[in-house]
PDB file of N, CA and C in Angstrom:
ATOM      1  N   UNK A   1     102.514  99.054  68.575  1.00  0.00           N
ATOM      2  CA  UNK A   1     101.069  99.341  69.161  1.00  0.00           C
ATOM      3  C   UNK A   1     101.163  98.954  70.568  1.00  0.00           C
ATOM      4  N   UNK A   2     102.075  98.137  71.095  1.00  0.00           N
ATOM      5  CA  UNK A   2     102.110  97.825  72.817  1.00  0.00           C
ATOM      6  C   UNK A   2     102.387  99.262  73.439  1.00  0.00           C
ATOM      7  N   UNK A   3     103.434 100.006  72.610  1.00  0.00           N
ATOM      8  CA  UNK A   3     103.803 101.329  73.298  1.00  0.00           C
ATOM      9  C   UNK A   3     102.723 102.239  73.694  1.00  0.00           C
ATOM     10  N   UNK A   4     102.141 102.145  72.855  1.00  0.00           N
ATOM     11  CA  UNK A   4     100.724 103.094  72.513  1.00  0.00           C
ATOM     12  C   UNK A   4      99.634 102.933  73.619  1.00  0.00           C
ATOM     13  N   UNK A   5      99.386 101.749  73.777  1.00  0.00           N
ATOM     14  CA  UNK A   5      98.702 101.307  74.610  1.00  0.00           C
ATOM     15  C   UNK A   5      99.042 101.623  75.927  1.00  0.00           C
ATOM     16  N   UNK A   6     100.176 101.303  76.136  1.00  0.00           N
ATOM     17  CA  UNK A   6     100.726 101.411  77.530  1.00  0.00           C
ATOM     18  C   UNK A   6     101.176 103.123  77.882  1.00  0.00           C
ATOM     19  N   UNK A   7     101.153 104.106  76.785  1.00  0.00           N
ATOM     20  CA  UNK A   7     101.519 105.572  76.881  1.00  0.00           C
ATOM     21  C   UNK A   7      99.893 105.982  77.354  1.00  0.00           C
ATOM     22  N   UNK A   8      98.854 105.306  76.497  1.00  0.00           N
ATOM     23  CA  UNK A   8      97.545 105.804  76.873  1.00  0.00           C
ATOM     24  C   UNK A   8      96.856 105.344  78.191  1.00  0.00           C
ATOM     25  N   UNK A   9      97.576 104.176  78.864  1.00  0.00           N
ATOM     26  CA  UNK A   9      97.292 103.661  80.093  1.00  0.00           C
ATOM     27  C   UNK A   9      97.658 104.498  81.260  1.00  0.00           C
ATOM     28  N   UNK A  10      98.856 104.788  80.571  1.00  0.00           N
ATOM     29  CA  UNK A  10      99.733 105.757  81.714  1.00  0.00           C
ATOM     30  C   UNK A  10      98.972 107.127  81.757  1.00  0.00           C
ATOM     31  N   UNK A  11      98.952 107.788  80.911  1.00  0.00           N
ATOM     32  CA  UNK A  11      98.006 109.173  80.779  1.00  0.00           C
ATOM     33  C   UNK A  11      96.518 108.953  81.465  1.00  0.00           C
ATOM     34  N   UNK A  12      96.052 107.954  81.084  1.00  0.00           N
ATOM     35  CA  UNK A  12      94.587 107.867  81.784  1.00  0.00           C
ATOM     36  C   UNK A  12      94.798 107.522  83.494  1.00  0.00           C
ATOM     37  N   UNK A  13      95.410 106.982  83.696  1.00  0.00           N
ATOM     38  CA  UNK A  13      96.033 106.800  85.227  1.00  0.00           C
ATOM     39  C   UNK A  13      96.677 108.025  86.232  1.00  0.00           C
ATOM     40  N   UNK A  14      97.459 108.348  85.714  1.00  0.00           N
ATOM     41  CA  UNK A  14      98.116 109.389  86.353  1.00  0.00           C
ATOM     42  C   UNK A  14      97.558 110.863  87.186  1.00  0.00           C
ATOM     43  N   UNK A  15      96.379 111.276  86.412  1.00  0.00           N
ATOM     44  CA  UNK A  15      95.806 112.211  86.987  1.00  0.00           C
ATOM     45  C   UNK A  15      94.834 111.571  88.160  1.00  0.00           C
ATOM     46  N   UNK A  16      94.805 110.721  88.496  1.00  0.00           N
ATOM     47  CA  UNK A  16      93.769 109.842  89.387  1.00  0.00           C
ATOM     48  C   UNK A  16      95.055 109.812  90.505  1.00  0.00           C
ATOM     49  N   UNK A  17      95.989 109.175  90.288  1.00  0.00           N
ATOM     50  CA  UNK A  17      96.927 109.416  91.339  1.00  0.00           C
ATOM     51  C   UNK A  17      96.955 110.956  92.259  1.00  0.00           C
ATOM     52  N   UNK A  18      97.287 111.673  91.095  1.00  0.00           N
ATOM     53  CA  UNK A  18      97.090 113.320  91.412  1.00  0.00           C
ATOM     54  C   UNK A  18      96.342 113.647  92.451  1.00  0.00           C
ATOM     55  N   UNK A  19      94.909 113.325  91.784  1.00  0.00           N
ATOM     56  CA  UNK A  19      93.813 113.815  92.778  1.00  0.00           C
ATOM     57  C   UNK A  19      93.914 112.941  94.344  1.00  0.00           C
ATOM     58  N   UNK A  20      94.001 111.851  93.955  1.00  0.00           N
ATOM     59  CA  UNK A  20      94.571 111.028  95.314  1.00  0.00           C
ATOM     60  C   UNK A  20      95.258 111.745  96.345  1.00  0.00           C
ATOM     61  N   UNK A  21      96.201 112.371  96.090  1.00  0.00           N
ATOM     62  CA  UNK A  21      97.468 112.496  96.843  1.00  0.00           C
ATOM     63  C   UNK A  21      96.976 114.076  97.373  1.00  0.00           C
ATOM     64  N   UNK A  22      95.515 114.692  96.944  1.00  0.00           N
ATOM     65  CA  UNK A  22      95.153 115.792  97.339  1.00  0.00           C
ATOM     66  C   UNK A  22      95.766 116.865  97.065  1.00  0.00           C
ATOM     67  N   UNK A  23      95.543 118.022  97.453  1.00  0.00           N
ATOM     68  CA  UNK A  23      95.901 119.257  96.989  1.00  0.00           C
ATOM     69  C   UNK A  23      96.767 119.994  98.294  1.00  0.00           C
ATOM     70  N   UNK A  24      98.034 120.358  98.016  1.00  0.00           N
ATOM     71  CA  UNK A  24      98.742 121.005  99.140  1.00  0.00           C
ATOM     72  C   UNK A  24      98.837 122.271  99.073  1.00  0.00           C
ATOM     73  N   UNK A  25      97.696 123.194  98.179  1.00  0.00           N
ATOM     74  CA  UNK A  25      97.908 124.521  97.876  1.00  0.00           C
ATOM     75  C   UNK A  25      97.818 125.395  99.461  1.00  0.00           C
ATOM     76  N   UNK A  26      98.622 126.077  99.471  1.00  0.00           N
ATOM     77  CA  UNK A  26      98.840 126.854 100.834  1.00  0.00           C
ATOM     78  C   UNK A  26      98.733 125.914 102.295  1.00  0.00           C
ATOM     79  N   UNK A  27      99.446 124.783 102.102  1.00  0.00           N
ATOM     80  CA  UNK A  27      99.459 124.264 103.120  1.00  0.00           C
ATOM     81  C   UNK A  27     100.544 124.569 103.912  1.00  0.00           C
ATOM     82  N   UNK A  28     100.569 124.913 104.961  1.00  0.00           N
ATOM     83  CA  UNK A  28     101.404 125.279 105.981  1.00  0.00           C
ATOM     84  C   UNK A  28     101.023 124.736 107.518  1.00  0.00           C
ATOM     85  N   UNK A  29     101.806 125.178 108.428  1.00  0.00           N
ATOM     86  CA  UNK A  29     101.646 124.524 109.569  1.00  0.00           C
ATOM     87  C   UNK A  29     100.007 124.792 109.904  1.00  0.00           C
ATOM     88  N   UNK A  30      99.500 123.550 110.450  1.00  0.00           N
ATOM     89  CA  UNK A  30      97.991 123.663 110.599  1.00  0.00           C
ATOM     90  C   UNK A  30      97.884 124.837 111.852  1.00  0.00           C
ATOM     91  N   UNK A  31      97.045 125.433 111.880  1.00  0.00           N
ATOM     92  CA  UNK A  31      96.140 126.649 112.894  1.00  0.00           C
ATOM     93  C   UNK A  31      95.258 125.808 113.438  1.00  0.00           C
ATOM     94  N   UNK A  32      95.190 125.889 114.821  1.00  0.00           N
ATOM     95  CA  UNK A  32      93.778 125.412 115.284  1.00  0.00           C
ATOM     96  C   UNK A  32      93.860 126.712 116.361  1.00  0.00           C
ATOM     97  N   UNK A  33      92.167 126.950 116.454  1.00  0.00           N
ATOM     98  CA  UNK A  33      92.028 128.379 117.285  1.00  0.00           C
ATOM     99  C   UNK A  33      90.749 127.526 118.189  1.00  0.00           C
ATOM    100  N   UNK A  34      90.405 128.418 119.492  1.00  0.00           N
ATOM    101  CA  UNK A  34      89.135 128.107 120.307  1.00  0.00           C
ATOM    102  C   UNK A  34      88.562 129.240 120.062  1.00  0.00           C
ATOM    103  N   UNK A  35      87.118 129.076 119.838  1.00  0.00           N
ATOM    104  CA  UNK A  35      86.400 129.765 119.671  1.00  0.00           C
ATOM    105  C   UNK A  35      85.816 130.619 121.253  1.00  0.00           C
ATOM    106  N   UNK A  36      85.728 129.819 122.225  1.00  0.00           N
ATOM    107  CA  UNK A  36      85.738 130.688 123.349  1.00  0.00           C
ATOM    108  C   UNK A  36      86.290 130.307 124.393  1.00  0.00           C
ATOM    109  N   UNK A  37      86.580 130.843 125.353  1.00  0.00           N
ATOM    110  CA  UNK A  37      87.017 130.201 126.630  1.00  0.00           C
ATOM    111  C   UNK A  37      86.257 130.518 127.734  1.00  0.00           C
ATOM    112  N   UNK A  38      86.480 129.801 128.894  1.00  0.00           N
ATOM    113  CA  UNK A  38      85.799 130.205 130.040  1.00  0.00           C
ATOM    114  C   UNK A  38      85.705 131.756 130.465  1.00  0.00           C
ATOM    115  N   UNK A  39      84.510 131.828 131.061  1.00  0.00           N
ATOM    116  CA  UNK A  39      84.605 133.315 131.844  1.00  0.00           C
ATOM    117  C   UNK A  39      85.651 133.433 132.847  1.00  0.00           C
ATOM    118  N   UNK A  40      86.259 134.669 132.453  1.00  0.00           N
ATOM    119  CA  UNK A  40      87.661 134.972 132.712  1.00  0.00           C
ATOM    120  C   UNK A  40      88.780 134.357 132.412  1.00  0.00           C
ATOM    121  N   UNK A  41      88.586 134.028 131.337  1.00  0.00           N
ATOM    122  CA  UNK A  41      90.109 133.375 130.925  1.00  0.00           C
ATOM    123  C   UNK A  41      90.034 134.150 129.340  1.00  0.00           C
ATOM    124  N   UNK A  42      91.215 134.262 128.737  1.00  0.00           N
ATOM    125  CA  UNK A  42      91.711 134.408 127.221  1.00  0.00           C
ATOM    126  C   UNK A  42      92.543 133.472 126.593  1.00  0.00           C
ATOM    127  N   UNK A  43      92.516 133.705 125.354  1.00  0.00           N
ATOM    128  CA  UNK A  43      93.532 132.932 124.826  1.00  0.00           C
ATOM    129  C   UNK A  43      94.651 132.899 124.587  1.00  0.00           C
ATOM    130  N   UNK A  44      95.519 132.683 125.013  1.00  0.00           N
ATOM    131  CA  UNK A  44      97.180 132.866 124.587  1.00  0.00           C
ATOM    132  C   UNK A  44      97.500 132.304 123.649  1.00  0.00           C
ATOM    133  N   UNK A  45      98.079 132.793 122.767  1.00  0.00           N
ATOM    134  CA  UNK A  45      98.390 132.355 121.539  1.00  0.00           C
ATOM    135  C   UNK A  45     100.038 131.694 121.395  1.00  0.00           C
ATOM    136  N   UNK A  46     100.494 132.292 122.501  1.00  0.00           N
ATOM    137  CA  UNK A  46     101.943 131.445 122.868  1.00  0.00           C
ATOM    138  C   UNK A  46     101.675 130.357 123.324  1.00  0.00           C
ATOM    139  N   UNK A  47     101.019 129.864 124.249  1.00  0.00           N
ATOM    140  CA  UNK A  47     100.560 128.521 124.577  1.00  0.00           C
ATOM    141  C   UNK A  47      99.685 127.429 123.875  1.00  0.00           C
ATOM    142  N   UNK A  48      98.708 128.365 123.425  1.00  0.00           N
ATOM    143  CA  UNK A  48      97.985 127.987 122.609  1.00  0.00           C
ATOM    144  C   UNK A  48      96.623 127.353 123.242  1.00  0.00           C
ATOM    145  N   UNK A  49      96.308 127.887 124.402  1.00  0.00           N
ATOM    146  CA  UNK A  49      95.191 127.547 125.506  1.00  0.00           C
ATOM    147  C   UNK A  49      94.483 128.521 126.125  1.00  0.00           C
ATOM    148  N   UNK A  50      93.773 128.240 126.706  1.00  0.00           N
ATOM    149  CA  UNK A  50      92.988 129.558 127.259  1.00  0.00           C
ATOM    150  C   UNK A  50      93.868 129.524 128.833  1.00  0.00           C
ATOM    151  N   UNK A  51      93.827 130.524 129.341  1.00  0.00           N
ATOM    152  CA  UNK A  51      94.757 131.176 130.582  1.00  0.00           C
ATOM    153  C   UNK A  51      93.930 132.131 131.496  1.00  0.00           C
ATOM    154  N   UNK A  52      93.944 131.909 132.809  1.00  0.00           N
ATOM    155  CA  UNK A  52      93.474 133.201 133.398  1.00  0.00           C
ATOM    156  C   UNK A  52      93.659 134.724 132.897  1.00  0.00           C
ATOM    157  N   UNK A  53      92.617 135.432 132.908  1.00  0.00           N
ATOM    158  CA  UNK A  53      92.915 137.090 132.556  1.00  0.00           C
ATOM    159  C   UNK A  53      93.601 137.524 133.878  1.00  0.00           C
ATOM    160  N   UNK A  54      94.663 138.482 133.580  1.00  0.00           N
ATOM    161  CA  UNK A  54      95.278 138.975 134.401  1.00  0.00           C
ATOM    162  C   UNK A  54      94.580 140.276 134.894  1.00  0.00           C
ATOM    163  N   UNK A  55      93.733 140.752 133.892  1.00  0.00           N
ATOM    164  CA  UNK A  55      93.012 141.919 134.413  1.00  0.00           C
ATOM    165  C   UNK A  55      91.661 141.877 135.331  1.00  0.00           C
ATOM    166  N   UNK A  56      91.634 142.771 136.217  1.00  0.00           N
ATOM    167  CA  UNK A  56      90.512 142.648 136.996  1.00  0.00           C
ATOM    168  C   UNK A  56      89.412 143.301 136.786  1.00  0.00           C
TER     169      UNK A  56
END
């Protein structure tokens, strides 16, 4: 009887831990983007920041 109760308790608690851990589906390196740069600047993906545009 005790073994059955412990098994039932474990089966009812474990899904909650899985939900608390969160979903890592598609989790790779976080990517950040800049929506706009100041006038005369463009977004440089190498440095991940806005840089002055070389075009005149």
